[in-house]
Each structure stands twice: as C-alpha cells, then as structure tokens.
Amino acid sequence: MVGQPSSISDTAFELAHQRLMSSGFTVTTARLEGEIVSALQNYRTTHAIDLMVMGAYGHSRIRQFLVGSHTTQLLHLSDCALLLLR
C-alpha cells in the first residue's frame, strides 16, 4: 500500500491481509511512501515481481482527462503483467 497510515486504511489493509491468509494464500504486505506509481514500480523492480494485481474503479471522463489515474499510468509504464480487478 502506498500512502500515509490512518485508522481506516490500516483496518482495511489488515482485513485484506487476514482474508487472503485465511483463504490459503501466502501474503507479504508492505506500506510504501512517496508518489504512488513510482513507489509501486520501484517495489516491483526491487522484489522481481512478475504480476501486479490492482483494484480499478471508474471516474468521470472529465476527471479522467484533467487528473488521470494511477491505474492508467501503471498500464502505460509497467513492463510486467498487470491484472485489474473491478
């Protein structure tokens, strides 16, 4: 996860970790700081990750045009497989 800790994000982060572990997955978690796209790309490169899984949700076309999205940036910049869950 990239971002500053908060009680809401920490709770959701831990809940996701527990659900995956209880379903039999091997899970490694990390909290990263900095700009989202570069932090994720650096982490992926450092740890030789072959597949990134990312949640995606839609924004209005106007917001997308003006602001863009981290998902779109990762799709354009990533040199590994990226699985989007919607």
N, C-alpha and C. Protein backbone atom coordinates (compact mmCIF):
# COMPACT_ATOMS: atom_id res chain seq x y z
N MET A 1 0.84 -1.16 0.00
CA MET A 1 0.00 0.00 0.00
C MET A 1 0.89 1.23 0.00
N VAL A 2 0.49 2.22 -0.78
CA VAL A 2 1.24 3.47 -0.82
C VAL A 2 0.40 4.54 -0.16
N GLY A 3 0.96 5.21 0.82
CA GLY A 3 0.25 6.30 1.47
C GLY A 3 0.53 6.36 2.95
N GLN A 4 0.07 7.42 3.54
CA GLN A 4 0.26 7.63 4.97
C GLN A 4 -0.70 6.75 5.76
N PRO A 5 -0.25 6.22 6.89
CA PRO A 5 -1.13 5.41 7.73
C PRO A 5 -2.32 6.22 8.25
N SER A 6 -3.46 5.56 8.37
CA SER A 6 -4.64 6.13 9.02
C SER A 6 -5.42 4.96 9.60
N SER A 7 -6.30 5.24 10.54
CA SER A 7 -7.04 4.15 11.18
C SER A 7 -7.90 3.40 10.17
N ILE A 8 -8.49 4.10 9.20
CA ILE A 8 -9.34 3.44 8.20
C ILE A 8 -8.50 2.60 7.26
N SER A 9 -7.42 3.16 6.71
CA SER A 9 -6.60 2.40 5.76
C SER A 9 -5.89 1.24 6.46
N ASP A 10 -5.45 1.45 7.71
CA ASP A 10 -4.80 0.37 8.44
C ASP A 10 -5.76 -0.79 8.68
N THR A 11 -7.01 -0.49 9.02
CA THR A 11 -8.01 -1.53 9.26
C THR A 11 -8.31 -2.29 7.98
N ALA A 12 -8.52 -1.58 6.87
CA ALA A 12 -8.81 -2.24 5.58
C ALA A 12 -7.61 -3.06 5.11
N PHE A 13 -6.42 -2.52 5.30
CA PHE A 13 -5.18 -3.21 4.91
C PHE A 13 -5.04 -4.53 5.67
N GLU A 14 -5.24 -4.48 6.97
CA GLU A 14 -5.13 -5.68 7.81
C GLU A 14 -6.24 -6.68 7.49
N LEU A 15 -7.45 -6.21 7.25
CA LEU A 15 -8.56 -7.09 6.90
C LEU A 15 -8.28 -7.83 5.60
N ALA A 16 -7.77 -7.13 4.60
CA ALA A 16 -7.42 -7.77 3.33
C ALA A 16 -6.34 -8.83 3.53
N HIS A 17 -5.34 -8.49 4.33
CA HIS A 17 -4.26 -9.44 4.64
C HIS A 17 -4.83 -10.70 5.30
N GLN A 18 -5.68 -10.52 6.30
CA GLN A 18 -6.25 -11.67 7.02
C GLN A 18 -7.12 -12.53 6.11
N ARG A 19 -7.93 -11.90 5.25
CA ARG A 19 -8.79 -12.66 4.35
C ARG A 19 -7.98 -13.51 3.38
N LEU A 20 -6.94 -12.93 2.84
CA LEU A 20 -6.10 -13.69 1.92
C LEU A 20 -5.39 -14.84 2.63
N MET A 21 -4.86 -14.58 3.81
CA MET A 21 -4.18 -15.63 4.58
C MET A 21 -5.14 -16.75 4.94
N SER A 22 -6.37 -16.41 5.37
CA SER A 22 -7.33 -17.44 5.77
C SER A 22 -7.83 -18.23 4.57
N SER A 23 -7.65 -17.70 3.36
CA SER A 23 -8.03 -18.42 2.14
C SER A 23 -6.89 -19.27 1.61
N GLY A 24 -5.76 -19.30 2.32
CA GLY A 24 -4.66 -20.17 1.94
C GLY A 24 -3.58 -19.52 1.10
N PHE A 25 -3.64 -18.22 0.90
CA PHE A 25 -2.62 -17.53 0.11
C PHE A 25 -1.43 -17.16 0.98
N THR A 26 -0.26 -17.17 0.39
CA THR A 26 0.93 -16.64 1.05
C THR A 26 0.95 -15.15 0.76
N VAL A 27 0.99 -14.33 1.80
CA VAL A 27 0.83 -12.89 1.65
C VAL A 27 2.02 -12.16 2.25
N THR A 28 2.57 -11.21 1.50
CA THR A 28 3.58 -10.30 2.01
C THR A 28 3.01 -8.90 1.87
N THR A 29 3.01 -8.15 2.94
CA THR A 29 2.47 -6.80 2.89
C THR A 29 3.59 -5.78 3.07
N ALA A 30 3.37 -4.60 2.51
CA ALA A 30 4.34 -3.51 2.65
C ALA A 30 3.60 -2.20 2.56
N ARG A 31 4.01 -1.25 3.33
CA ARG A 31 3.48 0.12 3.24
C ARG A 31 4.59 0.99 2.69
N LEU A 32 4.31 1.61 1.56
CA LEU A 32 5.30 2.43 0.87
C LEU A 32 4.93 3.89 0.99
N GLU A 33 5.92 4.76 0.86
CA GLU A 33 5.68 6.20 0.87
C GLU A 33 6.17 6.79 -0.43
N GLY A 34 5.62 7.93 -0.78
CA GLY A 34 6.05 8.63 -1.98
C GLY A 34 4.96 8.66 -3.03
N GLU A 35 5.34 9.02 -4.24
CA GLU A 35 4.41 9.10 -5.36
C GLU A 35 3.99 7.67 -5.71
N ILE A 36 2.71 7.44 -5.90
CA ILE A 36 2.15 6.10 -5.99
C ILE A 36 2.76 5.27 -7.11
N VAL A 37 2.75 5.78 -8.32
CA VAL A 37 3.21 4.99 -9.47
C VAL A 37 4.70 4.65 -9.34
N SER A 38 5.53 5.63 -9.02
CA SER A 38 6.96 5.34 -8.91
C SER A 38 7.27 4.43 -7.72
N ALA A 39 6.55 4.59 -6.61
CA ALA A 39 6.77 3.73 -5.45
C ALA A 39 6.43 2.28 -5.80
N LEU A 40 5.30 2.06 -6.48
CA LEU A 40 4.93 0.70 -6.87
C LEU A 40 5.91 0.11 -7.89
N GLN A 41 6.33 0.92 -8.86
CA GLN A 41 7.29 0.44 -9.86
C GLN A 41 8.63 0.08 -9.20
N ASN A 42 9.10 0.91 -8.28
CA ASN A 42 10.36 0.63 -7.59
C ASN A 42 10.26 -0.64 -6.76
N TYR A 43 9.14 -0.82 -6.05
CA TYR A 43 8.94 -2.01 -5.24
C TYR A 43 8.92 -3.26 -6.13
N ARG A 44 8.20 -3.18 -7.26
CA ARG A 44 8.11 -4.30 -8.18
C ARG A 44 9.49 -4.68 -8.71
N THR A 45 10.27 -3.70 -9.08
CA THR A 45 11.61 -3.96 -9.61
C THR A 45 12.53 -4.54 -8.53
N THR A 46 12.52 -3.94 -7.36
CA THR A 46 13.37 -4.39 -6.25
C THR A 46 13.09 -5.84 -5.87
N HIS A 47 11.83 -6.25 -5.92
CA HIS A 47 11.44 -7.58 -5.48
C HIS A 47 11.17 -8.56 -6.63
N ALA A 48 11.54 -8.17 -7.86
CA ALA A 48 11.39 -9.02 -9.05
C ALA A 48 9.98 -9.61 -9.17
N ILE A 49 8.98 -8.75 -9.07
CA ILE A 49 7.58 -9.18 -9.14
C ILE A 49 7.17 -9.28 -10.60
N ASP A 50 6.54 -10.42 -10.97
CA ASP A 50 6.14 -10.67 -12.35
C ASP A 50 4.70 -10.27 -12.64
N LEU A 51 3.86 -10.16 -11.62
CA LEU A 51 2.45 -9.84 -11.81
C LEU A 51 2.00 -8.88 -10.73
N MET A 52 1.42 -7.77 -11.16
CA MET A 52 0.84 -6.82 -10.21
C MET A 52 -0.67 -6.93 -10.31
N VAL A 53 -1.36 -6.98 -9.17
CA VAL A 53 -2.81 -7.03 -9.12
C VAL A 53 -3.27 -5.72 -8.50
N MET A 54 -4.22 -5.08 -9.18
CA MET A 54 -4.62 -3.75 -8.75
C MET A 54 -6.12 -3.58 -8.89
N GLY A 55 -6.74 -2.96 -7.90
CA GLY A 55 -8.16 -2.63 -7.99
C GLY A 55 -8.33 -1.40 -8.88
N ALA A 56 -9.38 -1.40 -9.67
CA ALA A 56 -9.65 -0.26 -10.56
C ALA A 56 -11.10 0.14 -10.43
N TYR A 57 -11.34 1.41 -10.47
CA TYR A 57 -12.71 1.90 -10.47
C TYR A 57 -12.78 3.11 -11.38
N GLY A 58 -13.96 3.37 -11.89
CA GLY A 58 -14.12 4.42 -12.88
C GLY A 58 -14.30 5.81 -12.30
N HIS A 59 -13.84 6.78 -13.04
CA HIS A 59 -14.05 8.20 -12.73
C HIS A 59 -14.79 8.80 -13.92
N SER A 60 -15.33 9.97 -13.73
CA SER A 60 -15.98 10.64 -14.85
C SER A 60 -14.93 10.94 -15.93
N ARG A 61 -15.37 11.08 -17.15
CA ARG A 61 -14.46 11.37 -18.26
C ARG A 61 -13.72 12.70 -18.05
N ILE A 62 -14.42 13.68 -17.50
CA ILE A 62 -13.80 14.99 -17.24
C ILE A 62 -12.68 14.84 -16.22
N ARG A 63 -12.95 14.16 -15.11
CA ARG A 63 -11.92 13.96 -14.08
C ARG A 63 -10.76 13.16 -14.64
N GLN A 64 -11.06 12.12 -15.40
CA GLN A 64 -10.03 11.29 -16.01
C GLN A 64 -9.13 12.13 -16.91
N PHE A 65 -9.75 13.03 -17.71
CA PHE A 65 -8.99 13.88 -18.63
C PHE A 65 -8.10 14.85 -17.88
N LEU A 66 -8.64 15.47 -16.83
CA LEU A 66 -7.90 16.50 -16.11
C LEU A 66 -6.87 15.93 -15.15
N VAL A 67 -7.22 14.85 -14.47
CA VAL A 67 -6.35 14.32 -13.42
C VAL A 67 -5.63 13.06 -13.85
N GLY A 68 -6.28 12.21 -14.64
CA GLY A 68 -5.70 10.93 -14.99
C GLY A 68 -5.91 9.95 -13.86
N SER A 69 -5.29 8.81 -13.94
CA SER A 69 -5.41 7.85 -12.85
C SER A 69 -4.11 7.08 -12.70
N HIS A 70 -3.91 6.57 -11.50
CA HIS A 70 -2.71 5.77 -11.25
C HIS A 70 -2.78 4.48 -12.04
N THR A 71 -3.97 3.93 -12.20
CA THR A 71 -4.14 2.71 -12.97
C THR A 71 -3.69 2.93 -14.41
N THR A 72 -4.14 4.01 -15.01
CA THR A 72 -3.76 4.32 -16.39
C THR A 72 -2.26 4.51 -16.51
N GLN A 73 -1.67 5.22 -15.57
CA GLN A 73 -0.22 5.43 -15.60
C GLN A 73 0.52 4.10 -15.51
N LEU A 74 0.08 3.22 -14.61
CA LEU A 74 0.74 1.92 -14.47
C LEU A 74 0.57 1.08 -15.73
N LEU A 75 -0.61 1.14 -16.35
CA LEU A 75 -0.81 0.40 -17.60
C LEU A 75 0.17 0.85 -18.68
N HIS A 76 0.42 2.14 -18.75
CA HIS A 76 1.33 2.68 -19.77
C HIS A 76 2.80 2.43 -19.43
N LEU A 77 3.15 2.45 -18.16
CA LEU A 77 4.55 2.39 -17.77
C LEU A 77 5.05 1.01 -17.37
N SER A 78 4.15 0.12 -17.02
CA SER A 78 4.55 -1.17 -16.48
C SER A 78 5.15 -2.07 -17.55
N ASP A 79 6.22 -2.75 -17.19
CA ASP A 79 6.81 -3.73 -18.10
C ASP A 79 6.60 -5.15 -17.58
N CYS A 80 5.55 -5.32 -16.77
CA CYS A 80 5.15 -6.64 -16.32
C CYS A 80 3.64 -6.76 -16.46
N ALA A 81 3.12 -7.96 -16.24
CA ALA A 81 1.68 -8.18 -16.33
C ALA A 81 0.97 -7.42 -15.21
N LEU A 82 -0.19 -6.83 -15.55
CA LEU A 82 -0.98 -6.08 -14.59
C LEU A 82 -2.42 -6.59 -14.67
N LEU A 83 -2.89 -7.20 -13.58
CA LEU A 83 -4.25 -7.73 -13.51
C LEU A 83 -5.11 -6.71 -12.77
N LEU A 84 -6.15 -6.22 -13.46
CA LEU A 84 -7.04 -5.23 -12.87
C LEU A 84 -8.32 -5.89 -12.40
N LEU A 85 -8.71 -5.60 -11.16
CA LEU A 85 -9.95 -6.10 -10.59
C LEU A 85 -10.90 -4.93 -10.45
N ARG A 86 -12.09 -5.13 -10.93
CA ARG A 86 -13.05 -4.03 -10.89
C ARG A 86 -14.26 -4.42 -10.10
